[in-house]
Amino acid sequence: MAAYFFASPVDVDVKLEGEEIRKQVDVKQEKERTISCPVYYDGDSIGGTVRPFVLDKLELSNPCARDSLSF
């Protein structure tokens, strides 16, 4: 658990294939800000890319990182 306190802050950008043609739902964020999110149902196949960005310009290394996700 101590690793969470000393780890570099990371922003993750997730782009799913076909998300622009899916039904969209507005989700309320902090301070009356809303974002539009695609709707996926149980059993739907998904694919896309995940890109992590280190916020404080330090190196991001994770020996457990995979180049594909499965749910």
C-alpha atoms as a PDB file:
ATOM      1  CA  MET A   1       0.000   0.000   0.000  1.00  0.00           C
ATOM      2  CA  ALA A   2       2.930   2.370   0.544  1.00  0.00           C
ATOM      3  CA  ALA A   3       3.634   2.213  -3.204  1.00  0.00           C
ATOM      4  CA  TYR A   4       0.463   4.224  -3.833  1.00  0.00           C
ATOM      5  CA  PHE A   5       1.757   7.138  -1.772  1.00  0.00           C
ATOM      6  CA  PHE A   6       5.137   7.373  -3.510  1.00  0.00           C
ATOM      7  CA  ALA A   7       4.103   6.485  -7.069  1.00  0.00           C
ATOM      8  CA  SER A   8       4.146   9.024  -9.892  1.00  0.00           C
ATOM      9  CA  PRO A   9       0.708  10.436 -10.744  1.00  0.00           C
ATOM     10  CA  VAL A  10      -0.539   8.964 -14.024  1.00  0.00           C
ATOM     11  CA  ASP A  11      -3.318  10.068 -16.372  1.00  0.00           C
ATOM     12  CA  VAL A  12      -4.744   7.269 -18.542  1.00  0.00           C
ATOM     13  CA  ASP A  13      -6.267   7.908 -21.983  1.00  0.00           C
ATOM     14  CA  VAL A  14      -8.610   5.107 -23.157  1.00  0.00           C
ATOM     15  CA  LYS A  15      -9.861   5.119 -26.760  1.00  0.00           C
ATOM     16  CA  LEU A  16     -12.284   2.332 -27.663  1.00  0.00           C
ATOM     17  CA  GLU A  17     -12.994   1.363 -31.260  1.00  0.00           C
ATOM     18  CA  GLY A  18     -16.486   2.373 -32.406  1.00  0.00           C
ATOM     19  CA  GLU A  19     -17.297   4.466 -29.322  1.00  0.00           C
ATOM     20  CA  GLU A  20     -18.517   7.362 -31.482  1.00  0.00           C
ATOM     21  CA  ILE A  21     -21.336   5.252 -32.999  1.00  0.00           C
ATOM     22  CA  ARG A  22     -22.603   3.938 -29.647  1.00  0.00           C
ATOM     23  CA  LYS A  23     -25.413   5.400 -27.574  1.00  0.00           C
ATOM     24  CA  GLN A  24     -24.007   8.178 -25.351  1.00  0.00           C
ATOM     25  CA  VAL A  25     -24.883   8.953 -21.731  1.00  0.00           C
ATOM     26  CA  ASP A  26     -24.017  12.224 -19.973  1.00  0.00           C
ATOM     27  CA  VAL A  27     -22.251  11.664 -16.642  1.00  0.00           C
ATOM     28  CA  LYS A  28     -22.082  14.499 -14.123  1.00  0.00           C
ATOM     29  CA  GLN A  29     -18.584  15.354 -12.879  1.00  0.00           C
ATOM     30  CA  GLU A  30     -17.500  17.725 -10.145  1.00  0.00           C
ATOM     31  CA  LYS A  31     -18.654  21.366 -10.256  1.00  0.00           C
ATOM     32  CA  GLU A  32     -21.587  20.874 -12.661  1.00  0.00           C
ATOM     33  CA  ARG A  33     -19.317  19.571 -15.438  1.00  0.00           C
ATOM     34  CA  THR A  34     -20.644  16.677 -17.530  1.00  0.00           C
ATOM     35  CA  ILE A  35     -18.897  14.274 -19.871  1.00  0.00           C
ATOM     36  CA  SER A  36     -20.405  12.054 -22.549  1.00  0.00           C
ATOM     37  CA  CYS A  37     -19.641   8.316 -22.229  1.00  0.00           C
ATOM     38  CA  PRO A  38     -20.468   5.453 -24.623  1.00  0.00           C
ATOM     39  CA  VAL A  39     -22.766   2.673 -23.400  1.00  0.00           C
ATOM     40  CA  TYR A  40     -21.564  -0.940 -23.541  1.00  0.00           C
ATOM     41  CA  TYR A  41     -23.705  -3.935 -22.610  1.00  0.00           C
ATOM     42  CA  ASP A  42     -22.759  -7.282 -21.066  1.00  0.00           C
ATOM     43  CA  GLY A  43     -21.321  -9.519 -23.750  1.00  0.00           C
ATOM     44  CA  ASP A  44     -20.300  -6.696 -26.118  1.00  0.00           C
ATOM     45  CA  SER A  45     -16.837  -7.081 -27.604  1.00  0.00           C
ATOM     46  CA  ILE A  46     -14.515  -4.142 -27.088  1.00  0.00           C
ATOM     47  CA  GLY A  47     -11.127  -3.182 -28.457  1.00  0.00           C
ATOM     48  CA  GLY A  48      -8.991  -0.097 -28.506  1.00  0.00           C
ATOM     49  CA  THR A  49      -5.906   1.540 -27.067  1.00  0.00           C
ATOM     50  CA  VAL A  50      -4.813   2.559 -23.574  1.00  0.00           C
ATOM     51  CA  ARG A  51      -2.088   5.215 -23.219  1.00  0.00           C
ATOM     52  CA  PRO A  52      -0.690   6.168 -19.793  1.00  0.00           C
ATOM     53  CA  PHE A  53       0.784   9.650 -19.343  1.00  0.00           C
ATOM     54  CA  VAL A  54       3.076  10.362 -16.398  1.00  0.00           C
ATOM     55  CA  LEU A  55       2.103  13.772 -15.013  1.00  0.00           C
ATOM     56  CA  ASP A  56       5.367  14.798 -13.354  1.00  0.00           C
ATOM     57  CA  LYS A  57       7.694  13.778 -16.249  1.00  0.00           C
ATOM     58  CA  LEU A  58       9.176  10.799 -14.386  1.00  0.00           C
ATOM     59  CA  GLU A  59       9.600   7.378 -15.940  1.00  0.00           C
ATOM     60  CA  LEU A  60       6.691   4.949 -15.828  1.00  0.00           C
ATOM     61  CA  SER A  61       7.718   1.340 -15.399  1.00  0.00           C
ATOM     62  CA  ASN A  62       5.521  -1.587 -14.482  1.00  0.00           C
ATOM     63  CA  PRO A  63       6.702  -5.156 -15.039  1.00  0.00           C
ATOM     64  CA  CYS A  64       3.078  -6.360 -14.775  1.00  0.00           C
ATOM     65  CA  ALA A  65       1.778  -4.139 -17.604  1.00  0.00           C
ATOM     66  CA  ARG A  66       0.311  -6.041 -20.530  1.00  0.00           C
ATOM     67  CA  ASP A  67      -0.192  -4.876 -24.079  1.00  0.00           C
ATOM     68  CA  SER A  68      -3.743  -6.233 -24.133  1.00  0.00           C
ATOM     69  CA  LEU A  69      -6.639  -6.236 -21.704  1.00  0.00           C
ATOM     70  CA  SER A  70      -9.274  -8.911 -21.228  1.00  0.00           C
ATOM     71  CA  PHE A  71     -12.395  -8.705 -19.097  1.00  0.00           C
END
